[in-house]
Amino acid sequence: MSPKEAYDLISAIKDAVDLPVVVHTHCTTGLAFMTYMKSVEAG
């Protein structure tokens, strides 16, 4: 999951339901730190 995909998905989920969102990823591809930054930015 790329930073952009995370931001878009979390934003869409937050617009759709009023529930806390938890994000789980792995460092396998090198994306994880950036993905978490954009995830938190998206809520």
Full PDB file with SEQRES, HELIX, SHEET, SSBOND, CRYST1, ORIGX, SCALE, CONECT and MASTER records, all heavy atoms in Angstrom:
SEQRES   1 A   43  MET SER PRO LYS GLU ALA TYR ASP LEU ILE SER ALA ILE          
SEQRES   2 A   43  LYS ASP ALA VAL ASP LEU PRO VAL VAL VAL HIS THR HIS          
SEQRES   3 A   43  CYS THR THR GLY LEU ALA PHE MET THR TYR MET LYS SER          
SEQRES   4 A   43  VAL GLU ALA GLY                                              
HELIX    1 AA1 PRO A    3  ALA A   16  1                                  14    
HELIX    2 AA2 ALA A   32  GLU A   41  1                                  10    
CRYST1    1.000    1.000    1.000  90.00  90.00  90.00 P 1           1          
ORIGX1      1.000000  0.000000  0.000000        0.00000                         
ORIGX2      0.000000  1.000000  0.000000        0.00000                         
ORIGX3      0.000000  0.000000  1.000000        0.00000                         
SCALE1      1.000000  0.000000  0.000000        0.00000                         
SCALE2      0.000000  1.000000  0.000000        0.00000                         
SCALE3      0.000000  0.000000  1.000000        0.00000                         
ATOM      1  N   MET A   1       0.846  -1.199   0.000  1.00  0.00           N  
ATOM      2  CA  MET A   1       0.000   0.000   0.000  1.00  0.00           C  
ATOM      3  C   MET A   1       0.877   1.244   0.000  1.00  0.00           C  
ATOM      4  O   MET A   1       1.665   1.469   0.929  1.00  0.00           O  
ATOM      5  CB  MET A   1      -0.930  -0.012   1.214  1.00  0.00           C  
ATOM      6  CG  MET A   1      -1.909   1.140   1.232  1.00  0.00           C  
ATOM      7  SD  MET A   1      -3.275   0.917   2.418  1.00  0.00           S  
ATOM      8  CE  MET A   1      -2.385   0.854   3.976  1.00  0.00           C  
ATOM      9  N   SER A   2       0.752   2.023  -1.035  1.00  0.00           N  
ATOM     10  CA  SER A   2       1.581   3.220  -1.167  1.00  0.00           C  
ATOM     11  C   SER A   2       1.031   4.343  -0.287  1.00  0.00           C  
ATOM     12  O   SER A   2      -0.123   4.291   0.150  1.00  0.00           O  
ATOM     13  CB  SER A   2       1.605   3.688  -2.626  1.00  0.00           C  
ATOM     14  OG  SER A   2       0.343   4.254  -2.968  1.00  0.00           O  
ATOM     15  N   PRO A   3       1.837   5.391  -0.031  1.00  0.00           N  
ATOM     16  CA  PRO A   3       1.337   6.527   0.765  1.00  0.00           C  
ATOM     17  C   PRO A   3       0.068   7.141   0.169  1.00  0.00           C  
ATOM     18  O   PRO A   3      -0.871   7.454   0.897  1.00  0.00           O  
ATOM     19  CB  PRO A   3       2.506   7.515   0.735  1.00  0.00           C  
ATOM     20  CG  PRO A   3       3.714   6.670   0.511  1.00  0.00           C  
ATOM     21  CD  PRO A   3       3.261   5.526  -0.346  1.00  0.00           C  
ATOM     22  N   LYS A   4       0.039   7.285  -1.156  1.00  0.00           N  
ATOM     23  CA  LYS A   4      -1.146   7.876  -1.810  1.00  0.00           C  
ATOM     24  C   LYS A   4      -2.367   6.969  -1.641  1.00  0.00           C  
ATOM     25  O   LYS A   4      -3.469   7.435  -1.330  1.00  0.00           O  
ATOM     26  CB  LYS A   4      -0.875   8.120  -3.290  1.00  0.00           C  
ATOM     27  CG  LYS A   4      -2.052   8.800  -3.991  1.00  0.00           C  
ATOM     28  CD  LYS A   4      -1.850   8.950  -5.480  1.00  0.00           C  
ATOM     29  CE  LYS A   4      -2.956   9.758  -6.119  1.00  0.00           C  
ATOM     30  NZ  LYS A   4      -4.317   9.273  -5.819  1.00  0.00           N  
ATOM     31  N   GLU A   5      -2.171   5.656  -1.864  1.00  0.00           N  
ATOM     32  CA  GLU A   5      -3.289   4.716  -1.733  1.00  0.00           C  
ATOM     33  C   GLU A   5      -3.822   4.714  -0.302  1.00  0.00           C  
ATOM     34  O   GLU A   5      -5.037   4.662  -0.083  1.00  0.00           O  
ATOM     35  CB  GLU A   5      -2.835   3.303  -2.140  1.00  0.00           C  
ATOM     36  CG  GLU A   5      -2.637   3.151  -3.640  1.00  0.00           C  
ATOM     37  CD  GLU A   5      -1.829   1.921  -4.012  1.00  0.00           C  
ATOM     38  OE1 GLU A   5      -1.139   1.336  -3.137  1.00  0.00           O  
ATOM     39  OE2 GLU A   5      -1.860   1.534  -5.197  1.00  0.00           O  
ATOM     40  N   ALA A   6      -2.916   4.787   0.664  1.00  0.00           N  
ATOM     41  CA  ALA A   6      -3.330   4.816   2.074  1.00  0.00           C  
ATOM     42  C   ALA A   6      -4.143   6.072   2.359  1.00  0.00           C  
ATOM     43  O   ALA A   6      -5.210   6.015   2.997  1.00  0.00           O  
ATOM     44  CB  ALA A   6      -2.102   4.766   2.980  1.00  0.00           C  
ATOM     45  N   TYR A   7      -3.648   7.208   1.905  1.00  0.00           N  
ATOM     46  CA  TYR A   7      -4.333   8.479   2.148  1.00  0.00           C  
ATOM     47  C   TYR A   7      -5.741   8.460   1.546  1.00  0.00           C  
ATOM     48  O   TYR A   7      -6.718   8.832   2.193  1.00  0.00           O  
ATOM     49  CB  TYR A   7      -3.523   9.642   1.556  1.00  0.00           C  
ATOM     50  CG  TYR A   7      -4.086  11.006   1.923  1.00  0.00           C  
ATOM     51  CD1 TYR A   7      -3.676  11.656   3.083  1.00  0.00           C  
ATOM     52  CD2 TYR A   7      -5.052  11.615   1.119  1.00  0.00           C  
ATOM     53  CE1 TYR A   7      -4.208  12.896   3.434  1.00  0.00           C  
ATOM     54  CE2 TYR A   7      -5.593  12.842   1.464  1.00  0.00           C  
ATOM     55  CZ  TYR A   7      -5.163  13.483   2.618  1.00  0.00           C  
ATOM     56  OH  TYR A   7      -5.695  14.698   2.968  1.00  0.00           O  
ATOM     57  N   ASP A   8      -5.835   7.987   0.295  1.00  0.00           N  
ATOM     58  CA  ASP A   8      -7.133   7.968  -0.394  1.00  0.00           C  
ATOM     59  C   ASP A   8      -8.105   6.997   0.275  1.00  0.00           C  
ATOM     60  O   ASP A   8      -9.286   7.309   0.455  1.00  0.00           O  
ATOM     61  CB  ASP A   8      -6.942   7.569  -1.868  1.00  0.00           C  
ATOM     62  CG  ASP A   8      -6.219   8.644  -2.666  1.00  0.00           C  
ATOM     63  OD1 ASP A   8      -6.091   9.773  -2.157  1.00  0.00           O  
ATOM     64  OD2 ASP A   8      -5.763   8.345  -3.796  1.00  0.00           O  
ATOM     65  N   LEU A   9      -7.610   5.807   0.653  1.00  0.00           N  
ATOM     66  CA  LEU A   9      -8.483   4.791   1.248  1.00  0.00           C  
ATOM     67  C   LEU A   9      -8.982   5.219   2.628  1.00  0.00           C  
ATOM     68  O   LEU A   9     -10.174   5.109   2.935  1.00  0.00           O  
ATOM     69  CB  LEU A   9      -7.743   3.452   1.337  1.00  0.00           C  
ATOM     70  CG  LEU A   9      -8.505   2.281   1.964  1.00  0.00           C  
ATOM     71  CD1 LEU A   9      -9.845   2.048   1.266  1.00  0.00           C  
ATOM     72  CD2 LEU A   9      -7.663   1.010   1.936  1.00  0.00           C  
ATOM     73  N   ILE A  10      -8.070   5.729   3.451  1.00  0.00           N  
ATOM     74  CA  ILE A  10      -8.467   6.145   4.806  1.00  0.00           C  
ATOM     75  C   ILE A  10      -9.430   7.331   4.740  1.00  0.00           C  
ATOM     76  O   ILE A  10     -10.421   7.384   5.480  1.00  0.00           O  
ATOM     77  CB  ILE A  10      -7.228   6.456   5.673  1.00  0.00           C  
ATOM     78  CG1 ILE A  10      -6.468   5.157   5.939  1.00  0.00           C  
ATOM     79  CG2 ILE A  10      -7.612   7.113   6.997  1.00  0.00           C  
ATOM     80  CD1 ILE A  10      -5.032   5.325   6.333  1.00  0.00           C  
ATOM     81  N   SER A  11      -9.160   8.247   3.847  1.00  0.00           N  
ATOM     82  CA  SER A  11     -10.068   9.396   3.674  1.00  0.00           C  
ATOM     83  C   SER A  11     -11.460   8.919   3.285  1.00  0.00           C  
ATOM     84  O   SER A  11     -12.476   9.391   3.816  1.00  0.00           O  
ATOM     85  CB  SER A  11      -9.526  10.344   2.600  1.00  0.00           C  
ATOM     86  OG  SER A  11      -8.268  10.868   2.975  1.00  0.00           O  
ATOM     87  N   ALA A  12     -11.526   7.940   2.367  1.00  0.00           N  
ATOM     88  CA  ALA A  12     -12.817   7.410   1.910  1.00  0.00           C  
ATOM     89  C   ALA A  12     -13.540   6.677   3.044  1.00  0.00           C  
ATOM     90  O   ALA A  12     -14.754   6.807   3.210  1.00  0.00           O  
ATOM     91  CB  ALA A  12     -12.608   6.470   0.719  1.00  0.00           C  
ATOM     92  N   ILE A  13     -12.779   5.912   3.841  1.00  0.00           N  
ATOM     93  CA  ILE A  13     -13.386   5.181   4.966  1.00  0.00           C  
ATOM     94  C   ILE A  13     -13.916   6.164   6.006  1.00  0.00           C  
ATOM     95  O   ILE A  13     -15.023   6.013   6.521  1.00  0.00           O  
ATOM     96  CB  ILE A  13     -12.363   4.208   5.603  1.00  0.00           C  
ATOM     97  CG1 ILE A  13     -12.052   3.068   4.643  1.00  0.00           C  
ATOM     98  CG2 ILE A  13     -12.894   3.650   6.934  1.00  0.00           C  
ATOM     99  CD1 ILE A  13     -10.907   2.170   5.089  1.00  0.00           C  
ATOM    100  N   LYS A  14     -13.120   7.184   6.309  1.00  0.00           N  
ATOM    101  CA  LYS A  14     -13.534   8.188   7.305  1.00  0.00           C  
ATOM    102  C   LYS A  14     -14.781   8.957   6.859  1.00  0.00           C  
ATOM    103  O   LYS A  14     -15.605   9.350   7.683  1.00  0.00           O  
ATOM    104  CB  LYS A  14     -12.371   9.157   7.572  1.00  0.00           C  
ATOM    105  CG  LYS A  14     -11.250   8.572   8.429  1.00  0.00           C  
ATOM    106  CD  LYS A  14     -11.678   8.466   9.875  1.00  0.00           C  
ATOM    107  CE  LYS A  14     -10.589   8.010  10.793  1.00  0.00           C  
ATOM    108  NZ  LYS A  14     -10.996   7.969  12.198  1.00  0.00           N  
ATOM    109  N   ASP A  15     -14.911   9.156   5.541  1.00  0.00           N  
ATOM    110  CA  ASP A  15     -16.101   9.827   5.020  1.00  0.00           C  
ATOM    111  C   ASP A  15     -17.332   8.921   5.122  1.00  0.00           C  
ATOM    112  O   ASP A  15     -18.463   9.398   5.260  1.00  0.00           O  
ATOM    113  CB  ASP A  15     -15.897  10.203   3.540  1.00  0.00           C  
ATOM    114  CG  ASP A  15     -14.998  11.424   3.388  1.00  0.00           C  
ATOM    115  OD1 ASP A  15     -14.803  12.144   4.385  1.00  0.00           O  
ATOM    116  OD2 ASP A  15     -14.474  11.638   2.274  1.00  0.00           O  
ATOM    117  N   ALA A  16     -17.092   7.599   5.047  1.00  0.00           N  
ATOM    118  CA  ALA A  16     -18.204   6.643   4.980  1.00  0.00           C  
ATOM    119  C   ALA A  16     -18.718   6.201   6.341  1.00  0.00           C  
ATOM    120  O   ALA A  16     -19.922   5.999   6.512  1.00  0.00           O  
ATOM    121  CB  ALA A  16     -17.778   5.412   4.175  1.00  0.00           C  
ATOM    122  N   VAL A  17     -17.804   6.015   7.307  1.00  0.00           N  
ATOM    123  CA  VAL A  17     -18.225   5.516   8.633  1.00  0.00           C  
ATOM    124  C   VAL A  17     -17.513   6.277   9.746  1.00  0.00           C  
ATOM    125  O   VAL A  17     -16.392   6.736   9.581  1.00  0.00           O  
ATOM    126  CB  VAL A  17     -17.937   3.995   8.804  1.00  0.00           C  
ATOM    127  CG1 VAL A  17     -18.739   3.165   7.834  1.00  0.00           C  
ATOM    128  CG2 VAL A  17     -16.447   3.695   8.684  1.00  0.00           C  
ATOM    129  N   ASP A  18     -18.166   6.355  10.874  1.00  0.00           N  
ATOM    130  CA  ASP A  18     -17.577   7.035  12.030  1.00  0.00           C  
ATOM    131  C   ASP A  18     -16.972   5.984  12.970  1.00  0.00           C  
ATOM    132  O   ASP A  18     -17.527   5.691  14.031  1.00  0.00           O  
ATOM    133  CB  ASP A  18     -18.657   7.855  12.744  1.00  0.00           C  
ATOM    134  CG  ASP A  18     -18.091   8.649  13.924  1.00  0.00           C  
ATOM    135  OD1 ASP A  18     -16.875   8.892  13.914  1.00  0.00           O  
ATOM    136  OD2 ASP A  18     -18.862   8.978  14.841  1.00  0.00           O  
ATOM    137  N   LEU A  19     -15.875   5.395  12.535  1.00  0.00           N  
ATOM    138  CA  LEU A  19     -15.194   4.377  13.337  1.00  0.00           C  
ATOM    139  C   LEU A  19     -13.693   4.638  13.321  1.00  0.00           C  
ATOM    140  O   LEU A  19     -13.155   5.127  12.324  1.00  0.00           O  
ATOM    141  CB  LEU A  19     -15.448   2.973  12.758  1.00  0.00           C  
ATOM    142  CG  LEU A  19     -16.845   2.352  12.914  1.00  0.00           C  
ATOM    143  CD1 LEU A  19     -16.895   1.025  12.173  1.00  0.00           C  
ATOM    144  CD2 LEU A  19     -17.202   2.156  14.379  1.00  0.00           C  
ATOM    145  N   PRO A  20     -12.984   4.299  14.407  1.00  0.00           N  
ATOM    146  CA  PRO A  20     -11.523   4.423  14.396  1.00  0.00           C  
ATOM    147  C   PRO A  20     -10.921   3.509  13.328  1.00  0.00           C  
ATOM    148  O   PRO A  20     -11.420   2.399  13.090  1.00  0.00           O  
ATOM    149  CB  PRO A  20     -11.112   3.957  15.800  1.00  0.00           C  
ATOM    150  CG  PRO A  20     -12.341   4.085  16.635  1.00  0.00           C  
ATOM    151  CD  PRO A  20     -13.492   3.837  15.707  1.00  0.00           C  
ATOM    152  N   VAL A  21      -9.858   3.976  12.687  1.00  0.00           N  
ATOM    153  CA  VAL A  21      -9.173   3.199  11.649  1.00  0.00           C  
ATOM    154  C   VAL A  21      -7.770   2.825  12.134  1.00  0.00           C  
ATOM    155  O   VAL A  21      -7.012   3.672  12.594  1.00  0.00           O  
ATOM    156  CB  VAL A  21      -9.084   3.988  10.319  1.00  0.00           C  
ATOM    157  CG1 VAL A  21      -8.234   3.233   9.291  1.00  0.00           C  
ATOM    158  CG2 VAL A  21     -10.474   4.244   9.763  1.00  0.00           C  
ATOM    159  N   VAL A  22      -7.478   1.526  12.021  1.00  0.00           N  
ATOM    160  CA  VAL A  22      -6.173   0.979  12.395  1.00  0.00           C  
ATOM    161  C   VAL A  22      -5.453   0.592  11.107  1.00  0.00           C  
ATOM    162  O   VAL A  22      -6.073   0.026  10.198  1.00  0.00           O  
ATOM    163  CB  VAL A  22      -6.341  -0.285  13.271  1.00  0.00           C  
ATOM    164  CG1 VAL A  22      -4.991  -0.818  13.734  1.00  0.00           C  
ATOM    165  CG2 VAL A  22      -7.247   0.003  14.467  1.00  0.00           C  
ATOM    166  N   VAL A  23      -4.159   0.892  11.004  1.00  0.00           N  
ATOM    167  CA  VAL A  23      -3.418   0.537   9.793  1.00  0.00           C  
ATOM    168  C   VAL A  23      -2.280  -0.420  10.139  1.00  0.00           C  
ATOM    169  O   VAL A  23      -1.513  -0.181  11.077  1.00  0.00           O  
ATOM    170  CB  VAL A  23      -2.856   1.787   9.077  1.00  0.00           C  
ATOM    171  CG1 VAL A  23      -2.233   1.399   7.741  1.00  0.00           C  
ATOM    172  CG2 VAL A  23      -3.952   2.813   8.851  1.00  0.00           C  
ATOM    173  N   HIS A  24      -2.210  -1.496   9.358  1.00  0.00           N  
ATOM    174  CA  HIS A  24      -1.182  -2.521   9.536  1.00  0.00           C  
ATOM    175  C   HIS A  24      -0.459  -2.690   8.209  1.00  0.00           C  
ATOM    176  O   HIS A  24      -1.088  -2.908   7.174  1.00  0.00           O  
ATOM    177  CB  HIS A  24      -1.847  -3.847   9.940  1.00  0.00           C  
ATOM    178  CG  HIS A  24      -0.916  -5.022   9.937  1.00  0.00           C  
ATOM    179  ND1 HIS A  24      -0.259  -5.450  11.066  1.00  0.00           N  
ATOM    180  CD2 HIS A  24      -0.517  -5.858   8.939  1.00  0.00           C  
ATOM    181  CE1 HIS A  24       0.489  -6.505  10.766  1.00  0.00           C  
ATOM    182  NE2 HIS A  24       0.350  -6.765   9.477  1.00  0.00           N  
ATOM    183  N   THR A  25       0.878  -2.590   8.246  1.00  0.00           N  
ATOM    184  CA  THR A  25       1.645  -2.828   7.027  1.00  0.00           C  
ATOM    185  C   THR A  25       2.979  -3.463   7.389  1.00  0.00           C  
ATOM    186  O   THR A  25       3.270  -3.709   8.562  1.00  0.00           O  
ATOM    187  CB  THR A  25       1.831  -1.532   6.205  1.00  0.00           C  
ATOM    188  OG1 THR A  25       2.376  -1.869   4.922  1.00  0.00           O  
ATOM    189  CG2 THR A  25       2.756  -0.539   6.897  1.00  0.00           C  
ATOM    190  N   HIS A  26       3.786  -3.744   6.373  1.00  0.00           N  
ATOM    191  CA  HIS A  26       5.111  -4.347   6.557  1.00  0.00           C  
ATOM    192  C   HIS A  26       6.136  -3.526   5.779  1.00  0.00           C  
ATOM    193  O   HIS A  26       5.799  -2.867   4.800  1.00  0.00           O  
ATOM    194  CB  HIS A  26       5.118  -5.793   6.043  1.00  0.00           C  
ATOM    195  CG  HIS A  26       4.274  -6.727   6.861  1.00  0.00           C  
ATOM    196  ND1 HIS A  26       4.800  -7.709   7.656  1.00  0.00           N  
ATOM    197  CD2 HIS A  26       2.928  -6.825   7.007  1.00  0.00           C  
ATOM    198  CE1 HIS A  26       3.818  -8.382   8.258  1.00  0.00           C  
ATOM    199  NE2 HIS A  26       2.667  -7.851   7.873  1.00  0.00           N  
ATOM    200  N   CYS A  27       7.397  -3.629   6.180  1.00  0.00           N  
ATOM    201  CA  CYS A  27       8.466  -2.845   5.537  1.00  0.00           C  
ATOM    202  C   CYS A  27       9.009  -3.512   4.269  1.00  0.00           C  
ATOM    203  O   CYS A  27       9.951  -3.000   3.664  1.00  0.00           O  
ATOM    204  CB  CYS A  27       9.623  -2.632   6.519  1.00  0.00           C  
ATOM    205  SG  CYS A  27       9.203  -1.595   7.925  1.00  0.00           S  
ATOM    206  N   THR A  28       8.439  -4.617   3.879  1.00  0.00           N  
ATOM    207  CA  THR A  28       8.968  -5.444   2.787  1.00  0.00           C  
ATOM    208  C   THR A  28       9.389  -4.640   1.561  1.00  0.00           C  
ATOM    209  O   THR A  28      10.464  -4.863   1.006  1.00  0.00           O  
ATOM    210  CB  THR A  28       7.898  -6.488   2.362  1.00  0.00           C  
ATOM    211  OG1 THR A  28       7.272  -7.012   3.532  1.00  0.00           O  
ATOM    212  CG2 THR A  28       8.507  -7.610   1.563  1.00  0.00           C  
ATOM    213  N   THR A  29       8.549  -3.714   1.126  1.00  0.00           N  
ATOM    214  CA  THR A  29       8.832  -2.982  -0.121  1.00  0.00           C  
ATOM    215  C   THR A  29       9.510  -1.632   0.113  1.00  0.00           C  
ATOM    216  O   THR A  29       9.839  -0.936  -0.849  1.00  0.00           O  
ATOM    217  CB  THR A  29       7.524  -2.719  -0.888  1.00  0.00           C  
ATOM    218  OG1 THR A  29       6.671  -1.938  -0.036  1.00  0.00           O  
ATOM    219  CG2 THR A  29       6.829  -4.008  -1.263  1.00  0.00           C  
ATOM    220  N   GLY A  30       9.676  -1.237   1.373  1.00  0.00           N  
ATOM    221  CA  GLY A  30      10.290   0.055   1.665  1.00  0.00           C  
ATOM    222  C   GLY A  30       9.310   1.210   1.768  1.00  0.00           C  
ATOM    223  O   GLY A  30       9.707   2.359   1.957  1.00  0.00           O  
ATOM    224  N   LEU A  31       8.011   0.925   1.649  1.00  0.00           N  
ATOM    225  CA  LEU A  31       6.998   1.997   1.654  1.00  0.00           C  
ATOM    226  C   LEU A  31       6.483   2.357   3.048  1.00  0.00           C  
ATOM    227  O   LEU A  31       5.906   3.421   3.244  1.00  0.00           O  
ATOM    228  CB  LEU A  31       5.788   1.572   0.815  1.00  0.00           C  
ATOM    229  CG  LEU A  31       5.962   1.436  -0.697  1.00  0.00           C  
ATOM    230  CD1 LEU A  31       4.714   0.801  -1.300  1.00  0.00           C  
ATOM    231  CD2 LEU A  31       6.217   2.795  -1.334  1.00  0.00           C  
ATOM    232  N   ALA A  32       6.649   1.468   4.019  1.00  0.00           N  
ATOM    233  CA  ALA A  32       5.862   1.511   5.255  1.00  0.00           C  
ATOM    234  C   ALA A  32       5.927   2.829   6.035  1.00  0.00           C  
ATOM    235  O   ALA A  32       4.890   3.333   6.481  1.00  0.00           O  
ATOM    236  CB  ALA A  32       6.259   0.349   6.162  1.00  0.00           C  
ATOM    237  N   PHE A  33       7.116   3.384   6.245  1.00  0.00           N  
ATOM    238  CA  PHE A  33       7.213   4.615   7.040  1.00  0.00           C  
ATOM    239  C   PHE A  33       6.433   5.748   6.371  1.00  0.00           C  
ATOM    240  O   PHE A  33       5.701   6.490   7.030  1.00  0.00           O  
ATOM    241  CB  PHE A  33       8.682   5.035   7.222  1.00  0.00           C  
ATOM    242  CG  PHE A  33       9.425   4.215   8.242  1.00  0.00           C  
ATOM    243  CD1 PHE A  33      10.203   3.140   7.852  1.00  0.00           C  
ATOM    244  CD2 PHE A  33       9.343   4.517   9.594  1.00  0.00           C  
ATOM    245  CE1 PHE A  33      10.887   2.371   8.795  1.00  0.00           C  
ATOM    246  CE2 PHE A  33      10.013   3.767  10.540  1.00  0.00           C  
ATOM    247  CZ  PHE A  33      10.795   2.691  10.138  1.00  0.00           C  
ATOM    248  N   MET A  34       6.581   5.871   5.041  1.00  0.00           N  
ATOM    249  CA  MET A  34       5.868   6.926   4.311  1.00  0.00           C  
ATOM    250  C   MET A  34       4.359   6.669   4.336  1.00  0.00           C  
ATOM    251  O   MET A  34       3.549   7.597   4.485  1.00  0.00           O  
ATOM    252  CB  MET A  34       6.363   6.990   2.868  1.00  0.00           C  
ATOM    253  CG  MET A  34       7.818   7.395   2.740  1.00  0.00           C  
ATOM    254  SD  MET A  34       8.388   7.405   1.020  1.00  0.00           S  
ATOM    255  CE  MET A  34       8.535   5.649   0.666  1.00  0.00           C  
ATOM    256  N   THR A  35       3.997   5.397   4.207  1.00  0.00           N  
ATOM    257  CA  THR A  35       2.579   5.031   4.220  1.00  0.00           C  
ATOM    258  C   THR A  35       1.936   5.394   5.556  1.00  0.00           C  
ATOM    259  O   THR A  35       0.810   5.913   5.602  1.00  0.00           O  
ATOM    260  CB  THR A  35       2.414   3.522   3.924  1.00  0.00           C  
ATOM    261  OG1 THR A  35       2.859   3.281   2.581  1.00  0.00           O  
ATOM    262  CG2 THR A  35       0.972   3.066   4.073  1.00  0.00           C  
ATOM    263  N   TYR A  36       2.653   5.153   6.665  1.00  0.00           N  
ATOM    264  CA  TYR A  36       2.117   5.509   7.980  1.00  0.00           C  
ATOM    265  C   TYR A  36       1.979   7.019   8.139  1.00  0.00           C  
ATOM    266  O   TYR A  36       1.005   7.505   8.728  1.00  0.00           O  
ATOM    267  CB  TYR A  36       3.000   4.936   9.091  1.00  0.00           C  
ATOM    268  CG  TYR A  36       2.669   3.502   9.469  1.00  0.00           C  
ATOM    269  CD1 TYR A  36       3.591   2.714  10.149  1.00  0.00           C  
ATOM    270  CD2 TYR A  36       1.435   2.932   9.174  1.00  0.00           C  
ATOM    271  CE1 TYR A  36       3.300   1.403  10.511  1.00  0.00           C  
ATOM    272  CE2 TYR A  36       1.130   1.634   9.521  1.00  0.00           C  
ATOM    273  CZ  TYR A  36       2.070   0.867  10.191  1.00  0.00           C  
ATOM    274  OH  TYR A  36       1.770  -0.427  10.544  1.00  0.00           O  
ATOM    275  N   MET A  37       2.932   7.772   7.610  1.00  0.00           N  
ATOM    276  CA  MET A  37       2.844   9.238   7.706  1.00  0.00           C  
ATOM    277  C   MET A  37       1.567   9.745   7.027  1.00  0.00           C  
ATOM    278  O   MET A  37       0.818  10.539   7.593  1.00  0.00           O  
ATOM    279  CB  MET A  37       4.069   9.878   7.038  1.00  0.00           C  
ATOM    280  CG  MET A  37       5.376   9.708   7.805  1.00  0.00           C  
ATOM    281  SD  MET A  37       5.392  10.554   9.403  1.00  0.00           S  
ATOM    282  CE  MET A  37       5.358  12.269   8.887  1.00  0.00           C  
ATOM    283  N   LYS A  38       1.319   9.264   5.807  1.00  0.00           N  
ATOM    284  CA  LYS A  38       0.136   9.722   5.079  1.00  0.00           C  
ATOM    285  C   LYS A  38      -1.151   9.140   5.672  1.00  0.00           C  
ATOM    286  O   LYS A  38      -2.209   9.764   5.609  1.00  0.00           O  
ATOM    287  CB  LYS A  38       0.247   9.346   3.586  1.00  0.00           C  
ATOM    288  CG  LYS A  38       1.351  10.074   2.849  1.00  0.00           C  
ATOM    289  CD  LYS A  38       1.229  11.592   2.909  1.00  0.00           C  
ATOM    290  CE  LYS A  38       0.146  12.140   2.013  1.00  0.00           C  
ATOM    291  NZ  LYS A  38       0.109  13.626   1.992  1.00  0.00           N  
ATOM    292  N   SER A  39      -1.051   7.948   6.273  1.00  0.00           N  
ATOM    293  CA  SER A  39      -2.224   7.337   6.920  1.00  0.00           C  
ATOM    294  C   SER A  39      -2.706   8.208   8.072  1.00  0.00           C  
ATOM    295  O   SER A  39      -3.899   8.498   8.209  1.00  0.00           O  
ATOM    296  CB  SER A  39      -1.876   5.942   7.457  1.00  0.00           C  
ATOM    297  OG  SER A  39      -1.561   5.061   6.419  1.00  0.00           O  
ATOM    298  N   VAL A  40      -1.766   8.617   8.922  1.00  0.00           N  
ATOM    299  CA  VAL A  40      -2.112   9.436  10.087  1.00  0.00           C  
ATOM    300  C   VAL A  40      -2.604  10.806   9.634  1.00  0.00           C  
ATOM    301  O   VAL A  40      -3.558  11.363  10.188  1.00  0.00           O  
ATOM    302  CB  VAL A  40      -0.900   9.532  11.048  1.00  0.00           C  
ATOM    303  CG1 VAL A  40      -1.176  10.543  12.165  1.00  0.00           C  
ATOM    304  CG2 VAL A  40      -0.585   8.154  11.633  1.00  0.00           C  
ATOM    305  N   GLU A  41      -1.976  11.331   8.592  1.00  0.00           N  
ATOM    306  CA  GLU A  41      -2.407  12.620   8.032  1.00  0.00           C  
ATOM    307  C   GLU A  41      -3.867  12.548   7.556  1.00  0.00           C  
ATOM    308  O   GLU A  41      -4.625  13.511   7.679  1.00  0.00           O  
ATOM    309  CB  GLU A  41      -1.491  12.968   6.848  1.00  0.00           C  
ATOM    310  CG  GLU A  41      -1.567  14.411   6.396  1.00  0.00           C  
ATOM    311  CD  GLU A  41      -0.640  14.673   5.216  1.00  0.00           C  
ATOM    312  OE1 GLU A  41       0.569  14.366   5.330  1.00  0.00           O  
ATOM    313  OE2 GLU A  41      -1.137  15.160   4.186  1.00  0.00           O  
ATOM    314  N   ALA A  42      -4.256  11.363   7.048  1.00  0.00           N  
ATOM    315  CA  ALA A  42      -5.622  11.179   6.543  1.00  0.00           C  
ATOM    316  C   ALA A  42      -6.623  10.877   7.655  1.00  0.00           C  
ATOM    317  O   ALA A  42      -7.826  10.805   7.408  1.00  0.00           O  
ATOM    318  CB  ALA A  42      -5.650  10.053   5.511  1.00  0.00           C  
ATOM    319  N   GLY A  43      -6.112  10.667   8.890  1.00  0.00           N  
ATOM    320  CA  GLY A  43      -7.019  10.443  10.006  1.00  0.00           C  
ATOM    321  C   GLY A  43      -6.946   9.085  10.660  1.00  0.00           C  
ATOM    322  O   GLY A  43      -7.794   8.756  11.499  1.00  0.00           O  
TER     323      GLY A  43                                                      
MASTER        0    0    0    2    0    0    0    6  322    1    0    4          
END                                                                             
